[in-house]
């Protein structure tokens, strides 16, 4: 893969990270609104979270299309890096670091969302139904 392709994938990971940061911030605000029992703010924050979530879905789709367009050995290389494989170049290292940052943030966002969802919906929470 050339530097430009690595840069494209890295930029997508950075965008993912930025939108995840927005979702995390709005989720924290949502938890605070729940603590205050501020139903107006809760509804507003839920609506506001929708936009960055939609952007995340779009970025995920674009990333899948770009990875699928790669040669099979390049797809395998990206997959290996995403699973923690050893980078062979600076471009691979930068991509991997950005992807790992986005993944760690995603884990925090999912945990915060799980807590908020369980508080709001209890037994009817998406997270309770999932199990």
C-alpha atoms as a PDB file:
ATOM      1  CA  UNK A   1       0.000   0.000   0.000  1.00  0.00           C
ATOM      2  CA  UNK A   2       1.233   3.484  -0.712  1.00  0.00           C
ATOM      3  CA  UNK A   3       1.465   6.395   1.737  1.00  0.00           C
ATOM      4  CA  UNK A   4      -1.670   8.019   0.353  1.00  0.00           C
ATOM      5  CA  UNK A   5      -3.795   4.934   1.041  1.00  0.00           C
ATOM      6  CA  UNK A   6      -2.453   4.690   4.591  1.00  0.00           C
ATOM      7  CA  UNK A   7      -3.151   8.389   5.064  1.00  0.00           C
ATOM      8  CA  UNK A   8      -6.750   7.962   3.846  1.00  0.00           C
ATOM      9  CA  UNK A   9      -7.358   5.125   6.306  1.00  0.00           C
ATOM     10  CA  UNK A  10      -5.684   7.085   9.104  1.00  0.00           C
ATOM     11  CA  UNK A  11      -7.834  10.151   8.390  1.00  0.00           C
ATOM     12  CA  UNK A  12     -10.965   7.994   8.622  1.00  0.00           C
ATOM     13  CA  UNK A  13      -9.809   6.670  11.993  1.00  0.00           C
ATOM     14  CA  UNK A  14      -9.183  10.236  13.171  1.00  0.00           C
ATOM     15  CA  UNK A  15     -12.655  11.307  12.059  1.00  0.00           C
ATOM     16  CA  UNK A  16     -14.100   8.297  13.868  1.00  0.00           C
ATOM     17  CA  UNK A  17     -12.218   9.339  17.001  1.00  0.00           C
ATOM     18  CA  UNK A  18     -13.518  12.913  16.768  1.00  0.00           C
ATOM     19  CA  UNK A  19     -17.147  11.838  16.385  1.00  0.00           C
ATOM     20  CA  UNK A  20     -16.766   9.304  19.190  1.00  0.00           C
ATOM     21  CA  UNK A  21     -15.501  12.160  21.359  1.00  0.00           C
ATOM     22  CA  UNK A  22     -18.683  14.094  20.574  1.00  0.00           C
ATOM     23  CA  UNK A  23     -20.823  11.077  21.457  1.00  0.00           C
ATOM     24  CA  UNK A  24     -18.889  10.583  24.696  1.00  0.00           C
ATOM     25  CA  UNK A  25     -19.352  14.228  25.685  1.00  0.00           C
ATOM     26  CA  UNK A  26     -23.076  14.183  24.897  1.00  0.00           C
ATOM     27  CA  UNK A  27     -23.482  10.899  26.779  1.00  0.00           C
ATOM     28  CA  UNK A  28     -21.821  12.422  29.844  1.00  0.00           C
ATOM     29  CA  UNK A  29     -24.142  15.420  29.583  1.00  0.00           C
ATOM     30  CA  UNK A  30     -27.064  13.016  29.239  1.00  0.00           C
ATOM     31  CA  UNK A  31     -26.032  11.225  32.444  1.00  0.00           C
ATOM     32  CA  UNK A  32     -25.854  14.577  34.233  1.00  0.00           C
ATOM     33  CA  UNK A  33     -29.309  15.540  32.937  1.00  0.00           C
ATOM     34  CA  UNK A  34     -30.639  12.224  34.253  1.00  0.00           C
ATOM     35  CA  UNK A  35     -29.061  12.981  37.635  1.00  0.00           C
ATOM     36  CA  UNK A  36     -30.925  16.313  37.655  1.00  0.00           C
ATOM     37  CA  UNK A  37     -34.105  14.631  36.392  1.00  0.00           C
ATOM     38  CA  UNK A  38     -34.149  17.222  33.585  1.00  0.00           C
ATOM     39  CA  UNK A  39     -36.374  15.539  31.001  1.00  0.00           C
ATOM     40  CA  UNK A  40     -36.164  18.442  28.535  1.00  0.00           C
ATOM     41  CA  UNK A  41     -32.365  18.243  28.489  1.00  0.00           C
ATOM     42  CA  UNK A  42     -32.507  14.434  28.246  1.00  0.00           C
ATOM     43  CA  UNK A  43     -34.676  14.580  25.121  1.00  0.00           C
ATOM     44  CA  UNK A  44     -32.543  17.331  23.600  1.00  0.00           C
ATOM     45  CA  UNK A  45     -29.268  15.469  24.260  1.00  0.00           C
ATOM     46  CA  UNK A  46     -30.655  12.222  22.863  1.00  0.00           C
ATOM     47  CA  UNK A  47     -31.570  14.057  19.669  1.00  0.00           C
ATOM     48  CA  UNK A  48     -28.174  15.774  19.535  1.00  0.00           C
ATOM     49  CA  UNK A  49     -26.336  12.440  19.848  1.00  0.00           C
ATOM     50  CA  UNK A  50     -28.013  11.189  16.699  1.00  0.00           C
ATOM     51  CA  UNK A  51     -25.936  13.382  14.361  1.00  0.00           C
ATOM     52  CA  UNK A  52     -22.457  12.175  15.389  1.00  0.00           C
ATOM     53  CA  UNK A  53     -23.763   8.597  15.513  1.00  0.00           C
ATOM     54  CA  UNK A  54     -24.952   8.927  11.913  1.00  0.00           C
ATOM     55  CA  UNK A  55     -21.551  10.348  10.955  1.00  0.00           C
ATOM     56  CA  UNK A  56     -19.896   7.342  12.606  1.00  0.00           C
ATOM     57  CA  UNK A  57     -22.058   4.973  10.567  1.00  0.00           C
ATOM     58  CA  UNK A  58     -21.087   6.839   7.409  1.00  0.00           C
ATOM     59  CA  UNK A  59     -17.376   6.711   8.247  1.00  0.00           C
ATOM     60  CA  UNK A  60     -17.666   3.007   9.012  1.00  0.00           C
ATOM     61  CA  UNK A  61     -19.282   2.391   5.618  1.00  0.00           C
ATOM     62  CA  UNK A  62     -16.651   4.439   3.778  1.00  0.00           C
ATOM     63  CA  UNK A  63     -13.884   2.594   5.618  1.00  0.00           C
ATOM     64  CA  UNK A  64     -15.335  -0.796   4.687  1.00  0.00           C
ATOM     65  CA  UNK A  65     -15.598   0.212   1.033  1.00  0.00           C
ATOM     66  CA  UNK A  66     -12.015   1.489   1.004  1.00  0.00           C
ATOM     67  CA  UNK A  67     -10.683  -1.655   2.673  1.00  0.00           C
ATOM     68  CA  UNK A  68     -12.646  -3.889   0.292  1.00  0.00           C
ATOM     69  CA  UNK A  69     -11.143  -2.000  -2.657  1.00  0.00           C
ATOM     70  CA  UNK A  70      -7.625  -2.882  -1.508  1.00  0.00           C
ATOM     71  CA  UNK A  71      -5.681  -5.823  -2.860  1.00  0.00           C
ATOM     72  CA  UNK A  72      -6.164  -8.928  -0.704  1.00  0.00           C
ATOM     73  CA  UNK A  73      -2.653  -8.715   0.793  1.00  0.00           C
ATOM     74  CA  UNK A  74      -3.255  -5.059   1.747  1.00  0.00           C
ATOM     75  CA  UNK A  75      -6.616  -5.942   3.345  1.00  0.00           C
ATOM     76  CA  UNK A  76      -4.852  -8.660   5.313  1.00  0.00           C
ATOM     77  CA  UNK A  77      -2.184  -6.166   6.393  1.00  0.00           C
ATOM     78  CA  UNK A  78      -4.796  -3.667   7.625  1.00  0.00           C
ATOM     79  CA  UNK A  79      -6.604  -6.458   9.466  1.00  0.00           C
ATOM     80  CA  UNK A  80      -3.354  -7.592  11.072  1.00  0.00           C
ATOM     81  CA  UNK A  81      -2.582  -4.067  12.255  1.00  0.00           C
ATOM     82  CA  UNK A  82      -6.089  -3.666  13.665  1.00  0.00           C
ATOM     83  CA  UNK A  83      -5.526  -6.877  15.638  1.00  0.00           C
ATOM     84  CA  UNK A  84      -2.259  -5.561  17.089  1.00  0.00           C
ATOM     85  CA  UNK A  85       0.266  -6.772  14.509  1.00  0.00           C
ATOM     86  CA  UNK A  86       3.686  -5.158  14.361  1.00  0.00           C
ATOM     87  CA  UNK A  87       3.844  -2.094  12.065  1.00  0.00           C
ATOM     88  CA  UNK A  88       6.466  -2.265   9.304  1.00  0.00           C
ATOM     89  CA  UNK A  89       6.545   1.432   8.424  1.00  0.00           C
ATOM     90  CA  UNK A  90       5.859   4.828   9.922  1.00  0.00           C
ATOM     91  CA  UNK A  91       2.570   5.048   7.975  1.00  0.00           C
ATOM     92  CA  UNK A  92       1.446   1.711   9.415  1.00  0.00           C
ATOM     93  CA  UNK A  93       2.450   2.791  12.931  1.00  0.00           C
ATOM     94  CA  UNK A  94       0.512   6.055  12.668  1.00  0.00           C
ATOM     95  CA  UNK A  95      -2.555   4.239  11.292  1.00  0.00           C
ATOM     96  CA  UNK A  96      -2.406   1.617  14.031  1.00  0.00           C
ATOM     97  CA  UNK A  97      -2.012   4.187  16.804  1.00  0.00           C
ATOM     98  CA  UNK A  98      -4.986   6.190  15.536  1.00  0.00           C
ATOM     99  CA  UNK A  99      -7.116   3.056  15.157  1.00  0.00           C
ATOM    100  CA  UNK A 100      -6.206   1.941  18.678  1.00  0.00           C
ATOM    101  CA  UNK A 101      -7.103   5.366  20.110  1.00  0.00           C
ATOM    102  CA  UNK A 102     -10.475   5.233  18.346  1.00  0.00           C
ATOM    103  CA  UNK A 103     -11.087   1.696  19.603  1.00  0.00           C
ATOM    104  CA  UNK A 104     -10.281   2.600  23.214  1.00  0.00           C
ATOM    105  CA  UNK A 105     -12.619   5.582  23.007  1.00  0.00           C
ATOM    106  CA  UNK A 106     -15.334   3.399  21.461  1.00  0.00           C
ATOM    107  CA  UNK A 107     -15.075   1.038  24.435  1.00  0.00           C
ATOM    108  CA  UNK A 108     -15.517   3.972  26.845  1.00  0.00           C
ATOM    109  CA  UNK A 109     -18.480   5.292  24.851  1.00  0.00           C
ATOM    110  CA  UNK A 110     -20.191   1.896  24.794  1.00  0.00           C
ATOM    111  CA  UNK A 111     -19.743   1.507  28.561  1.00  0.00           C
ATOM    112  CA  UNK A 112     -21.105   5.011  29.248  1.00  0.00           C
ATOM    113  CA  UNK A 113     -24.004   4.381  26.876  1.00  0.00           C
ATOM    114  CA  UNK A 114     -24.739   1.065  28.597  1.00  0.00           C
ATOM    115  CA  UNK A 115     -24.925   2.769  31.995  1.00  0.00           C
ATOM    116  CA  UNK A 116     -27.205   5.542  30.699  1.00  0.00           C
ATOM    117  CA  UNK A 117     -29.417   3.094  28.825  1.00  0.00           C
ATOM    118  CA  UNK A 118     -29.828   0.868  31.868  1.00  0.00           C
ATOM    119  CA  UNK A 119     -30.745   3.904  33.990  1.00  0.00           C
ATOM    120  CA  UNK A 120     -33.276   5.129  31.457  1.00  0.00           C
ATOM    121  CA  UNK A 121     -34.846   1.862  30.348  1.00  0.00           C
ATOM    122  CA  UNK A 122     -33.987  -0.658  33.077  1.00  0.00           C
ATOM    123  CA  UNK A 123     -35.089  -4.126  32.033  1.00  0.00           C
ATOM    124  CA  UNK A 124     -36.168  -2.750  28.625  1.00  0.00           C
ATOM    125  CA  UNK A 125     -32.673  -1.494  27.871  1.00  0.00           C
ATOM    126  CA  UNK A 126     -31.042  -2.520  24.609  1.00  0.00           C
ATOM    127  CA  UNK A 127     -28.211  -3.916  26.747  1.00  0.00           C
ATOM    128  CA  UNK A 128     -30.516  -6.129  28.812  1.00  0.00           C
ATOM    129  CA  UNK A 129     -32.296  -7.445  25.717  1.00  0.00           C
ATOM    130  CA  UNK A 130     -28.981  -8.157  24.023  1.00  0.00           C
ATOM    131  CA  UNK A 131     -27.997 -10.816  26.541  1.00  0.00           C
END
